Protein backbone atom coordinates (compact mmCIF):
# COMPACT_ATOMS: atom_id res chain seq x y z
CA MET A 1 68.31 -106.42 108.75
CA SER A 2 71.44 -105.54 110.70
CA VAL A 3 71.39 -102.34 112.77
CA ASP A 4 73.96 -100.83 115.15
CA LEU A 5 71.70 -100.15 118.15
CA SER A 6 74.25 -97.82 119.73
CA ARG A 7 73.79 -95.41 116.81
CA LEU A 8 70.01 -95.22 116.98
CA SER A 9 68.20 -92.16 118.32
CA SER A 10 65.75 -92.64 121.22
CA ALA A 11 62.81 -92.54 118.75
CA GLU A 12 64.48 -95.12 116.54
CA ARG A 13 65.13 -97.39 119.51
CA LEU A 14 61.41 -97.19 120.31
CA LEU A 15 60.54 -98.29 116.78
CA TRP A 16 63.18 -101.04 116.82
CA GLY A 17 61.76 -102.31 120.10
CA TYR A 18 58.41 -102.78 118.30
CA GLY A 19 60.11 -104.76 115.54
CA VAL A 20 59.88 -102.05 112.88
CA THR A 21 62.00 -103.16 109.91
CA ASP A 22 59.93 -101.60 107.16
CA SER A 23 58.11 -98.33 106.62
CA SER A 24 54.77 -100.19 106.56
CA HIS A 25 55.37 -101.31 110.15
CA ILE A 26 55.26 -97.83 111.59
CA ASP A 27 51.84 -97.68 113.26
CA LEU A 28 51.81 -94.50 115.38
CA ASP A 29 48.29 -95.03 116.65
CA ALA A 30 49.22 -98.46 117.99
CA ILE A 31 52.43 -97.15 119.55
CA ALA A 32 50.48 -94.29 121.20
CA ASN A 33 47.85 -96.71 122.57
CA ASP A 34 50.56 -99.11 123.86
CA ASN A 35 52.06 -96.13 125.75
CA GLY A 36 48.79 -95.14 127.36
CA ALA A 37 47.67 -92.44 124.94
CA GLU A 38 44.33 -92.60 123.14
CA VAL A 39 44.31 -90.97 119.70
CA LYS A 40 41.28 -89.03 118.42
CA TYR A 41 40.92 -87.25 115.09
CA ARG A 42 38.57 -84.27 115.37
CA PRO A 43 38.23 -80.70 114.09
CA LEU A 44 40.54 -78.44 116.10
CA GLY A 45 40.21 -74.67 116.07
CA GLY A 46 43.48 -72.76 116.38
CA CYS A 47 45.86 -75.71 116.69
CA GLU A 48 47.02 -78.79 114.83
CA ALA A 49 47.19 -81.18 117.73
CA ARG A 50 46.62 -81.36 121.43
CA LEU A 51 47.88 -83.54 124.27
CA VAL A 52 45.92 -83.76 127.52
CA ALA A 53 47.68 -85.87 130.09
CA ARG A 54 46.51 -87.23 133.43
CA GLY A 55 48.74 -89.51 135.40
CA GLU A 56 49.85 -92.40 133.26
CA SER A 57 47.23 -91.87 130.54
CA ALA A 58 46.62 -89.23 127.90
CA ILE A 59 44.42 -88.20 125.03
CA ILE A 60 46.08 -87.04 121.80
CA SER A 61 43.74 -85.06 119.53
CA VAL A 62 44.79 -84.52 115.93
CA ASN A 63 43.18 -82.02 113.53
CA SER A 64 40.97 -84.04 111.18
CA ALA A 65 40.88 -81.23 108.64
CA SER A 66 44.62 -81.57 107.88
CA ASN A 67 46.03 -83.87 105.18
CA ASP A 68 47.33 -87.33 105.97
CA GLY A 69 51.00 -86.37 106.07
CA ARG A 70 50.28 -83.44 108.38
CA GLN A 71 48.16 -85.54 110.68
CA ARG A 72 50.83 -88.22 110.88
CA PHE A 73 53.57 -85.73 111.82
CA SER A 74 51.24 -83.99 114.31
CA LEU A 75 50.56 -87.33 115.99
CA ALA A 76 54.29 -88.12 116.12
CA HIS A 77 54.93 -84.67 117.60
CA GLU A 78 52.41 -85.13 120.41
CA LEU A 79 53.63 -88.70 120.99
CA ALA A 80 57.07 -87.18 121.45
CA HIS A 81 55.67 -84.82 124.13
CA TRP A 82 53.94 -87.75 125.83
CA ILE A 83 57.03 -89.94 125.91
CA CYS A 84 59.66 -87.29 126.61
CA ASP A 85 57.84 -84.41 128.34
CA ARG A 86 54.90 -85.97 130.16
CA LYS A 87 56.01 -84.57 133.54
CA THR A 88 55.65 -81.02 132.30
CA GLY A 89 51.87 -81.27 131.73
CA SER A 90 49.64 -80.87 128.67
CA PHE A 91 50.41 -79.30 125.25
CA LEU A 92 48.44 -77.26 122.78
CA CYS A 93 50.52 -77.13 119.59
CA ALA A 94 49.87 -74.59 116.82
CA LYS A 95 50.65 -75.14 113.16
CA GLU A 96 53.93 -73.21 113.47
CA ASP A 97 55.05 -75.42 116.38
CA ILE A 98 54.82 -78.63 114.38
CA GLY A 99 56.99 -79.41 111.40
CA PRO A 100 60.30 -81.06 110.43
CA GLN A 101 61.68 -77.68 109.34
CA SER A 102 61.38 -76.54 112.97
CA ALA A 103 63.56 -79.21 114.50
CA VAL A 104 66.82 -77.24 114.71
CA ALA A 105 66.47 -74.66 117.49
CA LYS A 106 66.78 -75.83 121.04
CA SER A 107 63.33 -75.76 122.61
CA VAL A 108 60.71 -78.21 123.83
CA GLU A 109 58.79 -77.90 120.55
CA ALA A 110 61.94 -78.26 118.43
CA ASN A 111 62.94 -81.36 120.36
CA ALA A 112 59.50 -82.84 119.80
CA ASN A 113 59.83 -82.11 116.09
CA GLY A 114 63.20 -83.84 115.98
CA TYR A 115 61.82 -86.88 117.78
CA ALA A 116 58.79 -86.94 115.50
CA SER A 117 60.95 -86.74 112.38
CA GLN A 118 62.75 -89.90 113.53
CA LEU A 119 59.46 -91.67 114.24
CA VAL A 120 58.00 -91.12 110.78
CA LEU A 121 61.31 -91.25 108.87
CA PRO A 122 63.80 -93.31 110.94
CA THR A 123 67.31 -92.97 109.64
CA TYR A 124 68.02 -96.69 109.85
CA LEU A 125 65.26 -97.30 107.27
CA VAL A 126 65.71 -94.20 105.18
CA VAL A 127 69.48 -94.56 104.52
CA PRO A 128 69.16 -97.93 102.76
CA TRP A 129 66.07 -96.58 100.89
CA ILE A 130 67.93 -93.60 99.41
CA LYS A 131 71.11 -95.50 98.48
CA ASP A 132 72.13 -94.69 94.88
CA ARG A 133 69.08 -92.41 94.35
CA LYS A 134 69.34 -88.79 93.22
CA ILE A 135 68.61 -85.87 95.53
CA THR A 136 65.55 -84.45 93.78
CA LEU A 137 61.94 -83.61 94.54
CA ASP A 138 60.88 -86.55 92.41
CA VAL A 139 62.72 -88.90 94.74
CA SER A 140 61.33 -86.97 97.73
CA ALA A 141 57.84 -87.63 96.44
CA LEU A 142 58.55 -91.37 96.25
CA LEU A 143 60.00 -91.31 99.82
CA ALA A 144 56.93 -89.41 101.01
CA LYS A 145 54.64 -92.01 99.48
CA ASP A 146 56.50 -95.01 100.86
CA PHE A 147 56.65 -93.59 104.39
CA ASN A 148 53.26 -91.83 104.32
CA VAL A 149 54.71 -88.42 105.14
CA SER A 150 54.54 -84.95 103.63
CA LEU A 151 56.71 -84.01 100.68
CA THR A 152 58.40 -81.37 102.87
CA ALA A 153 59.34 -83.87 105.55
CA ALA A 154 60.65 -86.31 102.95
CA ALA A 155 62.72 -83.61 101.19
CA ILE A 156 64.27 -82.46 104.49
CA LYS A 157 65.24 -86.03 105.35
CA LEU A 158 66.66 -86.66 101.88
CA VAL A 159 68.83 -83.54 101.99
CA LYS A 160 70.02 -84.23 105.54
CA GLN A 161 71.17 -87.69 104.55
CA ALA A 162 72.71 -86.62 101.20
CA THR A 163 76.34 -87.63 100.72
CA SER A 164 76.93 -84.79 98.19
CA PRO A 165 76.42 -81.00 98.61
CA ALA A 166 72.70 -80.23 98.60
CA PHE A 167 70.33 -77.52 99.83
CA LEU A 168 66.57 -77.43 100.45
CA ALA A 169 65.03 -73.96 100.46
CA CYS A 170 61.55 -72.55 101.09
CA HIS A 171 60.92 -69.08 99.60
CA THR A 172 57.99 -66.72 99.56
CA GLN A 173 57.78 -63.86 97.09
CA THR A 174 59.82 -61.68 99.46
CA ARG A 175 62.23 -63.87 101.44
CA LEU A 176 63.84 -67.14 102.30
CA THR A 177 61.72 -68.52 105.16
CA TRP A 178 63.86 -71.49 106.02
CA HIS A 179 66.47 -73.79 104.54
CA GLN A 180 68.30 -77.07 105.16
CA ARG A 181 71.77 -78.04 103.99
CA SER A 182 73.48 -81.44 103.75
CA ALA A 183 76.40 -82.04 106.06
CA THR A 184 78.73 -82.13 102.97
CA CYS A 185 77.97 -78.50 102.06
CA SER A 186 80.79 -76.05 102.48
CA SER A 187 80.21 -73.52 105.26
CA GLU A 188 81.33 -70.86 102.76
CA PHE A 189 78.11 -71.27 100.74
CA PHE A 190 74.82 -69.52 101.69
CA MET A 191 71.36 -69.66 100.18
CA THR A 192 70.23 -66.44 98.51
CA SER A 193 67.59 -64.54 100.47
CA GLU A 194 65.45 -63.77 97.40
CA LEU A 195 64.42 -65.75 94.33
CA HIS A 196 66.32 -65.07 91.08
CA GLN A 197 64.04 -63.98 88.25
CA ASP A 198 65.44 -66.64 85.92
CA THR A 199 64.49 -69.58 88.08
CA ASP A 200 61.38 -71.75 87.82
CA ALA A 201 60.77 -71.06 91.52
CA PHE A 202 60.46 -67.33 90.77
CA HIS A 203 57.82 -67.93 88.09
CA MET A 204 55.93 -70.21 90.50
CA ALA A 205 55.99 -67.62 93.26
CA PHE A 206 55.01 -64.66 91.13
CA GLY A 207 53.27 -66.10 88.07
CA GLY A 208 50.81 -68.48 89.68
CA VAL A 209 52.47 -71.50 88.06
CA GLY A 210 51.75 -74.70 90.01
CA GLY A 211 52.93 -78.27 89.95
CA MET A 212 56.52 -79.54 90.10
CA SER A 213 59.20 -78.36 87.75
CA ARG A 214 61.68 -80.62 86.08
CA SER A 215 65.21 -80.87 87.41
CA LYS A 216 67.14 -78.07 85.71
CA ARG A 217 70.83 -77.32 85.37
CA GLU A 218 71.68 -73.63 85.86
CA PRO A 219 74.34 -71.26 87.30
CA ALA A 220 74.93 -71.76 91.00
CA SER A 221 74.88 -67.98 91.54
CA ARG A 222 71.11 -68.00 91.06
CA TRP A 223 70.78 -69.97 94.30
CA ILE A 224 73.87 -69.62 96.49
CA SER A 225 76.49 -67.05 97.36
CA GLY A 226 80.08 -67.61 98.45
CA ARG A 227 83.57 -67.82 97.17
CA GLY A 228 83.84 -69.26 93.66
CA VAL A 229 80.10 -69.83 93.02
CA PHE A 230 80.25 -68.06 89.67
CA ARG A 231 82.34 -70.98 88.37
CA LEU A 232 79.84 -73.59 89.60
CA GLU A 233 76.56 -75.07 88.39
CA VAL A 234 73.64 -76.63 90.21
CA ASN A 235 70.63 -78.78 89.52
CA SER A 236 67.43 -77.36 90.90
CA GLN A 237 63.85 -78.56 91.10
CA SER A 238 60.93 -76.66 92.64
CA ILE A 239 57.31 -77.09 93.70
CA LYS A 240 54.67 -74.63 94.81
CA LEU A 241 53.25 -75.60 98.19
CA PRO A 242 49.62 -75.16 99.27
CA ASP A 243 50.51 -72.04 101.27
CA ALA A 244 51.97 -70.41 98.09
CA SER A 245 55.57 -70.70 99.23
CA VAL A 246 57.99 -72.53 96.90
CA LEU A 247 60.12 -75.50 97.94
CA THR A 248 63.37 -76.14 96.02
CA ILE A 249 66.07 -78.76 96.13
CA VAL A 250 69.43 -77.54 94.87
CA THR A 251 72.43 -79.84 94.34
CA LEU A 252 75.89 -78.89 93.26
CA VAL A 253 77.03 -80.37 89.94
CA LYS A 254 80.36 -82.12 90.22
């Protein structure tokens, strides 16, 4: 495959240096070991992952009680600390520190999340994968399976790389906890802070409904605010997450 090396992130350049040209080639344990870090999976109380560094070697501990996607991102997060922040010491990373939705703010943990996101879902592999595919949770689930990541991580990457206006939102019963928009979204549009009672996401949050909804066409005003939204429609698809929050992909209908 042909790749413009000048456009790769530092995490992608690391993968490319190991000859990664397919999602099945991304072996984080092997990369960690090659960089002097031993990986151990064990029960961890109060944190998702831990990095203990000494000189040019380190031990990365990952919570064995977490699911595979969570473990993989946690390992990538600690590997980011080891490669990028090793001079600053050891790290004890709580659940709220680790996650692709926390890669925006400028901080050491956010930078590690951004690096980790590129390790598990490198753009140079994801962009060809999503070509001509729809921006839905169904497609996110396929991406998650192929790259062995969580649905949330896959959905974030899918929306970030979308070439048409799209949003990803995570709601609880009372508020919008976080959201991601595609680069093509107008800055005039904003996600609604509360779930509309006529959406599938509302019934998931309040009615105990589980599973993933079907993609549904509905008025844009149920999801976004801004000039002219009452004349627009969107496609939305939602899923209830294990923590009872609801994740939704919303795309503007052309």
